[in-house]
PDB file of N, CA and C in Angstrom:
ATOM      1  N   MET A   1       0.839  -1.178   0.000  1.00  0.00           N
ATOM      2  CA  MET A   1       0.000   0.000   0.000  1.00  0.00           C
ATOM      3  C   MET A   1       0.881   1.237   0.000  1.00  0.00           C
ATOM      4  N   LYS A   2       0.537   2.218  -0.809  1.00  0.00           N
ATOM      5  CA  LYS A   2       1.320   3.430  -0.955  1.00  0.00           C
ATOM      6  C   LYS A   2       0.952   4.434   0.128  1.00  0.00           C
ATOM      7  N   SER A   3       1.954   5.015   0.763  1.00  0.00           N
ATOM      8  CA  SER A   3       1.722   6.009   1.812  1.00  0.00           C
ATOM      9  C   SER A   3       1.597   7.396   1.183  1.00  0.00           C
ATOM     10  N   ASN A   4       0.641   8.194   1.660  1.00  0.00           N
ATOM     11  CA  ASN A   4       0.449   9.547   1.155  1.00  0.00           C
ATOM     12  C   ASN A   4       1.217  10.581   1.966  1.00  0.00           C
ATOM     13  N   SER A   5       1.885  10.137   3.037  1.00  0.00           N
ATOM     14  CA  SER A   5       2.619  11.106   3.849  1.00  0.00           C
ATOM     15  C   SER A   5       3.869  11.559   3.106  1.00  0.00           C
ATOM     16  N   PRO A   6       4.158  12.867   3.156  1.00  0.00           N
ATOM     17  CA  PRO A   6       5.329  13.373   2.435  1.00  0.00           C
ATOM     18  C   PRO A   6       6.625  12.914   3.092  1.00  0.00           C
ATOM     19  N   THR A   7       7.617  12.671   2.282  1.00  0.00           N
ATOM     20  CA  THR A   7       8.935  12.316   2.791  1.00  0.00           C
ATOM     21  C   THR A   7       9.785  13.576   2.852  1.00  0.00           C
ATOM     22  N   PRO A   8      10.830  13.587   3.663  1.00  0.00           N
ATOM     23  CA  PRO A   8      11.686  14.774   3.728  1.00  0.00           C
ATOM     24  C   PRO A   8      12.267  15.166   2.377  1.00  0.00           C
ATOM     25  N   GLN A   9      12.534  14.190   1.503  1.00  0.00           N
ATOM     26  CA  GLN A   9      13.082  14.517   0.196  1.00  0.00           C
ATOM     27  C   GLN A   9      12.068  15.261  -0.664  1.00  0.00           C
ATOM     28  N   SER A  10      10.796  14.894  -0.583  1.00  0.00           N
ATOM     29  CA  SER A  10       9.798  15.525  -1.438  1.00  0.00           C
ATOM     30  C   SER A  10       9.374  16.892  -0.919  1.00  0.00           C
ATOM     31  N   THR A  11       9.468  17.116   0.400  1.00  0.00           N
ATOM     32  CA  THR A  11       9.073  18.411   0.954  1.00  0.00           C
ATOM     33  C   THR A  11      10.244  19.355   1.059  1.00  0.00           C
ATOM     34  N   GLY A  12      11.426  18.879   0.785  1.00  0.00           N
ATOM     35  CA  GLY A  12      12.589  19.738   0.851  1.00  0.00           C
ATOM     36  C   GLY A  12      13.288  19.680   2.194  1.00  0.00           C
ATOM     37  N   GLY A  13      12.728  18.993   3.149  1.00  0.00           N
ATOM     38  CA  GLY A  13      13.351  18.858   4.451  1.00  0.00           C
ATOM     39  C   GLY A  13      13.467  20.181   5.175  1.00  0.00           C
ATOM     40  N   LEU A  14      12.436  20.558   5.889  1.00  0.00           N
ATOM     41  CA  LEU A  14      12.452  21.820   6.612  1.00  0.00           C
ATOM     42  C   LEU A  14      13.368  21.743   7.820  1.00  0.00           C
ATOM     43  N   MET A  15      14.048  22.843   8.083  1.00  0.00           N
ATOM     44  CA  MET A  15      14.851  22.971   9.298  1.00  0.00           C
ATOM     45  C   MET A  15      14.571  24.335   9.900  1.00  0.00           C
ATOM     46  N   SER A  16      14.784  24.447  11.190  1.00  0.00           N
ATOM     47  CA  SER A  16      14.553  25.703  11.886  1.00  0.00           C
ATOM     48  C   SER A  16      15.450  26.784  11.297  1.00  0.00           C
ATOM     49  N   PHE A  17      14.854  27.923  10.964  1.00  0.00           N
ATOM     50  CA  PHE A  17      15.617  29.035  10.395  1.00  0.00           C
ATOM     51  C   PHE A  17      16.644  29.554  11.395  1.00  0.00           C
ATOM     52  N   TYR A  18      16.217  29.733  12.650  1.00  0.00           N
ATOM     53  CA  TYR A  18      17.121  30.266  13.658  1.00  0.00           C
ATOM     54  C   TYR A  18      18.183  29.243  14.055  1.00  0.00           C
ATOM     55  N   GLY A  19      17.862  27.964  13.963  1.00  0.00           N
ATOM     56  CA  GLY A  19      18.862  26.925  14.188  1.00  0.00           C
ATOM     57  C   GLY A  19      19.932  26.948  13.104  1.00  0.00           C
ATOM     58  N   TRP A  20      19.500  27.167  11.875  1.00  0.00           N
ATOM     59  CA  TRP A  20      20.440  27.270  10.759  1.00  0.00           C
ATOM     60  C   TRP A  20      21.336  28.493  10.933  1.00  0.00           C
ATOM     61  N   LEU A  21      20.739  29.620  11.335  1.00  0.00           N
ATOM     62  CA  LEU A  21      21.541  30.823  11.576  1.00  0.00           C
ATOM     63  C   LEU A  21      22.575  30.580  12.673  1.00  0.00           C
ATOM     64  N   ALA A  22      22.159  29.892  13.733  1.00  0.00           N
ATOM     65  CA  ALA A  22      23.083  29.607  14.834  1.00  0.00           C
ATOM     66  C   ALA A  22      24.240  28.730  14.353  1.00  0.00           C
ATOM     67  N   SER A  23      23.967  27.813  13.433  1.00  0.00           N
ATOM     68  CA  SER A  23      25.031  26.955  12.913  1.00  0.00           C
ATOM     69  C   SER A  23      26.030  27.763  12.077  1.00  0.00           C
ATOM     70  N   LEU A  24      25.589  28.909  11.556  1.00  0.00           N
ATOM     71  CA  LEU A  24      26.470  29.804  10.802  1.00  0.00           C
ATOM     72  C   LEU A  24      27.111  30.858  11.703  1.00  0.00           C
ATOM     73  N   ASP A  25      26.764  30.835  12.997  1.00  0.00           N
ATOM     74  CA  ASP A  25      27.217  31.828  13.965  1.00  0.00           C
ATOM     75  C   ASP A  25      26.743  33.233  13.572  1.00  0.00           C
ATOM     76  N   LYS A  26      25.484  33.319  13.137  1.00  0.00           N
ATOM     77  CA  LYS A  26      24.866  34.594  12.775  1.00  0.00           C
ATOM     78  C   LYS A  26      23.722  34.877  13.743  1.00  0.00           C
ATOM     79  N   THR A  27      23.417  36.153  13.933  1.00  0.00           N
ATOM     80  CA  THR A  27      22.381  36.556  14.879  1.00  0.00           C
ATOM     81  C   THR A  27      21.007  36.572  14.220  1.00  0.00           C
ATOM     82  N   ARG A  28      19.981  36.684  15.066  1.00  0.00           N
ATOM     83  CA  ARG A  28      18.610  36.771  14.558  1.00  0.00           C
ATOM     84  C   ARG A  28      18.417  38.033  13.722  1.00  0.00           C
ATOM     85  N   SER A  29      19.094  39.117  14.107  1.00  0.00           N
ATOM     86  CA  SER A  29      18.945  40.357  13.343  1.00  0.00           C
ATOM     87  C   SER A  29      19.564  40.222  11.952  1.00  0.00           C
ATOM     88  N   THR A  30      20.651  39.472  11.845  1.00  0.00           N
ATOM     89  CA  THR A  30      21.223  39.197  10.525  1.00  0.00           C
ATOM     90  C   THR A  30      20.244  38.385   9.693  1.00  0.00           C
ATOM     91  N   GLY A  31      19.607  37.390  10.307  1.00  0.00           N
ATOM     92  CA  GLY A  31      18.603  36.592   9.607  1.00  0.00           C
ATOM     93  C   GLY A  31      17.428  37.431   9.154  1.00  0.00           C
ATOM     94  N   TRP A  32      16.986  38.357  10.010  1.00  0.00           N
ATOM     95  CA  TRP A  32      15.881  39.249   9.637  1.00  0.00           C
ATOM     96  C   TRP A  32      16.275  40.079   8.423  1.00  0.00           C
ATOM     97  N   ARG A  33      17.507  40.612   8.434  1.00  0.00           N
ATOM     98  CA  ARG A  33      17.976  41.441   7.322  1.00  0.00           C
ATOM     99  C   ARG A  33      18.078  40.617   6.045  1.00  0.00           C
ATOM    100  N   TRP A  34      18.582  39.380   6.141  1.00  0.00           N
ATOM    101  CA  TRP A  34      18.674  38.517   4.957  1.00  0.00           C
ATOM    102  C   TRP A  34      17.292  38.227   4.395  1.00  0.00           C
ATOM    103  N   ARG A  35      16.308  37.998   5.279  1.00  0.00           N
ATOM    104  CA  ARG A  35      14.936  37.758   4.817  1.00  0.00           C
ATOM    105  C   ARG A  35      14.366  39.014   4.171  1.00  0.00           C
ATOM    106  N   LYS A  36      14.579  40.163   4.813  1.00  0.00           N
ATOM    107  CA  LYS A  36      14.052  41.434   4.298  1.00  0.00           C
ATOM    108  C   LYS A  36      14.633  41.752   2.924  1.00  0.00           C
ATOM    109  N   ASP A  37      15.927  41.473   2.735  1.00  0.00           N
ATOM    110  CA  ASP A  37      16.602  41.758   1.469  1.00  0.00           C
ATOM    111  C   ASP A  37      16.344  40.690   0.411  1.00  0.00           C
ATOM    112  N   GLY A  38      15.633  39.616   0.773  1.00  0.00           N
ATOM    113  CA  GLY A  38      15.305  38.576  -0.189  1.00  0.00           C
ATOM    114  C   GLY A  38      16.434  37.593  -0.442  1.00  0.00           C
ATOM    115  N   LEU A  39      17.432  37.559   0.429  1.00  0.00           N
ATOM    116  CA  LEU A  39      18.548  36.632   0.237  1.00  0.00           C
ATOM    117  C   LEU A  39      18.180  35.208   0.622  1.00  0.00           C
ATOM    118  N   VAL A  40      17.249  35.063   1.574  1.00  0.00           N
ATOM    119  CA  VAL A  40      16.813  33.751   2.040  1.00  0.00           C
ATOM    120  C   VAL A  40      15.291  33.755   2.117  1.00  0.00           C
ATOM    121  N   LYS A  41      14.675  32.723   1.569  1.00  0.00           N
ATOM    122  CA  LYS A  41      13.219  32.583   1.639  1.00  0.00           C
ATOM    123  C   LYS A  41      12.870  31.603   2.749  1.00  0.00           C
ATOM    124  N   THR A  42      11.973  32.009   3.620  1.00  0.00           N
ATOM    125  CA  THR A  42      11.574  31.164   4.742  1.00  0.00           C
ATOM    126  C   THR A  42      10.130  30.730   4.592  1.00  0.00           C
ATOM    127  N   VAL A  43       9.766  29.716   5.391  1.00  0.00           N
ATOM    128  CA  VAL A  43       8.408  29.190   5.433  1.00  0.00           C
ATOM    129  C   VAL A  43       7.900  29.361   6.857  1.00  0.00           C
ATOM    130  N   ASN A  44       6.731  29.967   7.010  1.00  0.00           N
ATOM    131  CA  ASN A  44       6.133  30.166   8.328  1.00  0.00           C
ATOM    132  C   ASN A  44       5.154  29.033   8.586  1.00  0.00           C
ATOM    133  N   VAL A  45       5.415  28.248   9.633  1.00  0.00           N
ATOM    134  CA  VAL A  45       4.529  27.159  10.024  1.00  0.00           C
ATOM    135  C   VAL A  45       4.080  27.431  11.457  1.00  0.00           C
ATOM    136  N   PHE A  46       2.829  27.825  11.601  1.00  0.00           N
ATOM    137  CA  PHE A  46       2.248  28.125  12.912  1.00  0.00           C
ATOM    138  C   PHE A  46       3.111  29.109  13.700  1.00  0.00           C
ATOM    139  N   GLY A  47       3.602  30.144  13.030  1.00  0.00           N
ATOM    140  CA  GLY A  47       4.352  31.197  13.695  1.00  0.00           C
ATOM    141  C   GLY A  47       5.825  30.920  13.885  1.00  0.00           C
ATOM    142  N   LYS A  48       6.317  29.775  13.438  1.00  0.00           N
ATOM    143  CA  LYS A  48       7.742  29.464  13.550  1.00  0.00           C
ATOM    144  C   LYS A  48       8.342  29.455  12.157  1.00  0.00           C
ATOM    145  N   LEU A  49       9.539  30.020  12.025  1.00  0.00           N
ATOM    146  CA  LEU A  49      10.180  30.126  10.726  1.00  0.00           C
ATOM    147  C   LEU A  49      11.050  28.901  10.437  1.00  0.00           C
ATOM    148  N   TYR A  50      10.920  28.417   9.213  1.00  0.00           N
ATOM    149  CA  TYR A  50      11.710  27.284   8.732  1.00  0.00           C
ATOM    150  C   TYR A  50      12.333  27.668   7.403  1.00  0.00           C
ATOM    151  N   VAL A  51      13.383  26.953   7.043  1.00  0.00           N
ATOM    152  CA  VAL A  51      14.025  27.118   5.749  1.00  0.00           C
ATOM    153  C   VAL A  51      14.195  25.720   5.161  1.00  0.00           C
ATOM    154  N   THR A  52      14.033  25.600   3.846  1.00  0.00           N
ATOM    155  CA  THR A  52      14.186  24.289   3.207  1.00  0.00           C
ATOM    156  C   THR A  52      15.662  24.016   2.933  1.00  0.00           C
ATOM    157  N   ARG A  53      15.982  22.749   2.813  1.00  0.00           N
ATOM    158  CA  ARG A  53      17.367  22.383   2.505  1.00  0.00           C
ATOM    159  C   ARG A  53      17.760  22.870   1.113  1.00  0.00           C
ATOM    160  N   GLU A  54      16.803  22.930   0.202  1.00  0.00           N
ATOM    161  CA  GLU A  54      17.088  23.459  -1.131  1.00  0.00           C
ATOM    162  C   GLU A  54      17.432  24.944  -1.056  1.00  0.00           C
ATOM    163  N   GLU A  55      16.731  25.686  -0.189  1.00  0.00           N
ATOM    164  CA  GLU A  55      17.012  27.117  -0.033  1.00  0.00           C
ATOM    165  C   GLU A  55      18.394  27.329   0.576  1.00  0.00           C
ATOM    166  N   VAL A  56      18.769  26.486   1.544  1.00  0.00           N
ATOM    167  CA  VAL A  56      20.102  26.566   2.141  1.00  0.00           C
ATOM    168  C   VAL A  56      21.154  26.289   1.071  1.00  0.00           C
ATOM    169  N   ALA A  57      20.928  25.267   0.242  1.00  0.00           N
ATOM    170  CA  ALA A  57      21.870  24.929  -0.826  1.00  0.00           C
ATOM    171  C   ALA A  57      21.975  26.078  -1.829  1.00  0.00           C
ATOM    172  N   ARG A  58      20.844  26.706  -2.163  1.00  0.00           N
ATOM    173  CA  ARG A  58      20.850  27.836  -3.091  1.00  0.00           C
ATOM    174  C   ARG A  58      21.644  29.001  -2.506  1.00  0.00           C
ATOM    175  N   PHE A  59      21.420  29.291  -1.226  1.00  0.00           N
ATOM    176  CA  PHE A  59      22.134  30.373  -0.554  1.00  0.00           C
ATOM    177  C   PHE A  59      23.639  30.093  -0.542  1.00  0.00           C
ATOM    178  N   GLU A  60      24.025  28.868  -0.193  1.00  0.00           N
ATOM    179  CA  GLU A  60      25.441  28.514  -0.141  1.00  0.00           C
ATOM    180  C   GLU A  60      26.085  28.575  -1.522  1.00  0.00           C
ATOM    181  N   THR A  61      25.374  28.157  -2.554  1.00  0.00           N
ATOM    182  CA  THR A  61      25.889  28.230  -3.923  1.00  0.00           C
ATOM    183  C   THR A  61      26.149  29.675  -4.314  1.00  0.00           C
ATOM    184  N   ARG A  62      25.188  30.546  -4.001  1.00  0.00           N
ATOM    185  CA  ARG A  62      25.354  31.968  -4.316  1.00  0.00           C
ATOM    186  C   ARG A  62      26.517  32.577  -3.532  1.00  0.00           C
ATOM    187  N   ALA A  63      26.652  32.208  -2.257  1.00  0.00           N
ATOM    188  CA  ALA A  63      27.737  32.740  -1.429  1.00  0.00           C
ATOM    189  C   ALA A  63      29.101  32.271  -1.953  1.00  0.00           C
ATOM    190  N   LEU A  64      29.202  30.981  -2.296  1.00  0.00           N
ATOM    191  CA  LEU A  64      30.465  30.451  -2.801  1.00  0.00           C
ATOM    192  C   LEU A  64      30.832  31.031  -4.162  1.00  0.00           C
ATOM    193  N   ALA A  65      29.836  31.443  -4.931  1.00  0.00           N
ATOM    194  CA  ALA A  65      30.087  32.053  -6.232  1.00  0.00           C
ATOM    195  C   ALA A  65      30.527  33.512  -6.092  1.00  0.00           C
ATOM    196  N   GLY A  66      30.490  34.034  -4.868  1.00  0.00           N
ATOM    197  CA  GLY A  66      30.929  35.403  -4.637  1.00  0.00           C
ATOM    198  C   GLY A  66      29.857  36.443  -4.851  1.00  0.00           C
ATOM    199  N   GLU A  67      28.610  36.014  -4.935  1.00  0.00           N
ATOM    200  CA  GLU A  67      27.515  36.955  -5.206  1.00  0.00           C
ATOM    201  C   GLU A  67      27.333  37.980  -4.078  1.00  0.00           C
ATOM    202  N   PHE A  68      27.700  37.616  -2.863  1.00  0.00           N
ATOM    203  CA  PHE A  68      27.507  38.502  -1.719  1.00  0.00           C
ATOM    204  C   PHE A  68      28.799  39.211  -1.318  1.00  0.00           C
ATOM    205  N   TYR A  69      29.829  39.130  -2.137  1.00  0.00           N
ATOM    206  CA  TYR A  69      31.124  39.701  -1.806  1.00  0.00           C
ATOM    207  C   TYR A  69      31.026  41.215  -1.676  1.00  0.00           C
ATOM    208  N   ARG A  70      31.660  41.714  -0.636  1.00  0.00           N
ATOM    209  CA  ARG A  70      31.755  43.154  -0.430  1.00  0.00           C
ATOM    210  C   ARG A  70      33.089  43.414   0.252  1.00  0.00           C
ATOM    211  N   GLU A  71      33.783  44.426  -0.183  1.00  0.00           N
ATOM    212  CA  GLU A  71      35.069  44.777   0.418  1.00  0.00           C
ATOM    213  C   GLU A  71      34.865  45.153   1.876  1.00  0.00           C
ATOM    214  N   ALA A  72      35.701  44.607   2.750  1.00  0.00           N
ATOM    215  CA  ALA A  72      35.609  44.916   4.174  1.00  0.00           C
ATOM    216  C   ALA A  72      36.079  46.352   4.401  1.00  0.00           C
ATOM    217  N   LYS A  73      35.298  47.088   5.175  1.00  0.00           N
ATOM    218  CA  LYS A  73      35.646  48.477   5.464  1.00  0.00           C
ATOM    219  C   LYS A  73      36.292  48.546   6.844  1.00  0.00           C
ATOM    220  N   THR A  74      37.517  49.023   6.867  1.00  0.00           N
ATOM    221  CA  THR A  74      38.210  49.197   8.134  1.00  0.00           C
ATOM    222  C   THR A  74      37.952  50.618   8.620  1.00  0.00           C
ATOM    223  N   PRO A  75      37.454  50.763   9.832  1.00  0.00           N
ATOM    224  CA  PRO A  75      37.178  52.117  10.314  1.00  0.00           C
ATOM    225  C   PRO A  75      38.471  52.913  10.500  1.00  0.00           C
ATOM    226  N   THR A  76      38.391  54.184  10.203  1.00  0.00           N
ATOM    227  CA  THR A  76      39.553  55.044  10.400  1.00  0.00           C
ATOM    228  C   THR A  76      39.603  55.488  11.854  1.00  0.00           C
ATOM    229  N   PRO A  77      40.785  55.538  12.430  1.00  0.00           N
ATOM    230  CA  PRO A  77      40.873  55.952  13.833  1.00  0.00           C
ATOM    231  C   PRO A  77      40.531  57.424  13.989  1.00  0.00           C
ATOM    232  N   ARG A  78      39.871  57.740  15.083  1.00  0.00           N
ATOM    233  CA  ARG A  78      39.532  59.142  15.367  1.00  0.00           C
ATOM    234  C   ARG A  78      40.722  59.833  16.004  1.00  0.00           C
ATOM    235  N   ALA A  79      40.860  61.070  15.674  1.00  0.00           N
ATOM    236  CA  ALA A  79      41.921  61.865  16.310  1.00  0.00           C
ATOM    237  C   ALA A  79      41.434  62.253  17.710  1.00  0.00           C
ATOM    238  N   ARG A  80      42.282  62.041  18.668  1.00  0.00           N
ATOM    239  CA  ARG A  80      41.917  62.386  20.049  1.00  0.00           C
ATOM    240  C   ARG A  80      42.213  63.854  20.305  1.00  0.00           C
ATOM    241  N   ALA A  81      41.298  64.503  20.979  1.00  0.00           N
ATOM    242  CA  ALA A  81      41.483  65.901  21.335  1.00  0.00           C
ATOM    243  C   ALA A  81      42.456  66.002  22.515  1.00  0.00           C
ATOM    244  N   ALA A  82      43.300  66.984  22.465  1.00  0.00           N
ATOM    245  CA  ALA A  82      44.262  67.182  23.568  1.00  0.00           C
ATOM    246  C   ALA A  82      43.510  67.640  24.809  1.00  0.00           C
ATOM    247  N   ALA A  83      43.802  66.982  25.921  1.00  0.00           N
ATOM    248  CA  ALA A  83      43.078  67.324  27.157  1.00  0.00           C
ATOM    249  C   ALA A  83      43.861  68.255  28.044  1.00  0.00           C
TER     250      ALA A  83
END
């Protein structure tokens, strides 16, 4: 008899969005910004955010391709006022 329940492969295998961010050592605010900017698409299930394994793979592919590359800005030191 064939089962109608979805398998993790067919549903994309949902994982906790914030758990995934923690595995990358990123904060919730970084995750919010990535979602707002459209870099990561999430799924809301009863008020909890999830991300699919395909979306994680897409994000990693884009990151490895250098799509998110930005030159690091080193702050210039401030001149101290003579006291």
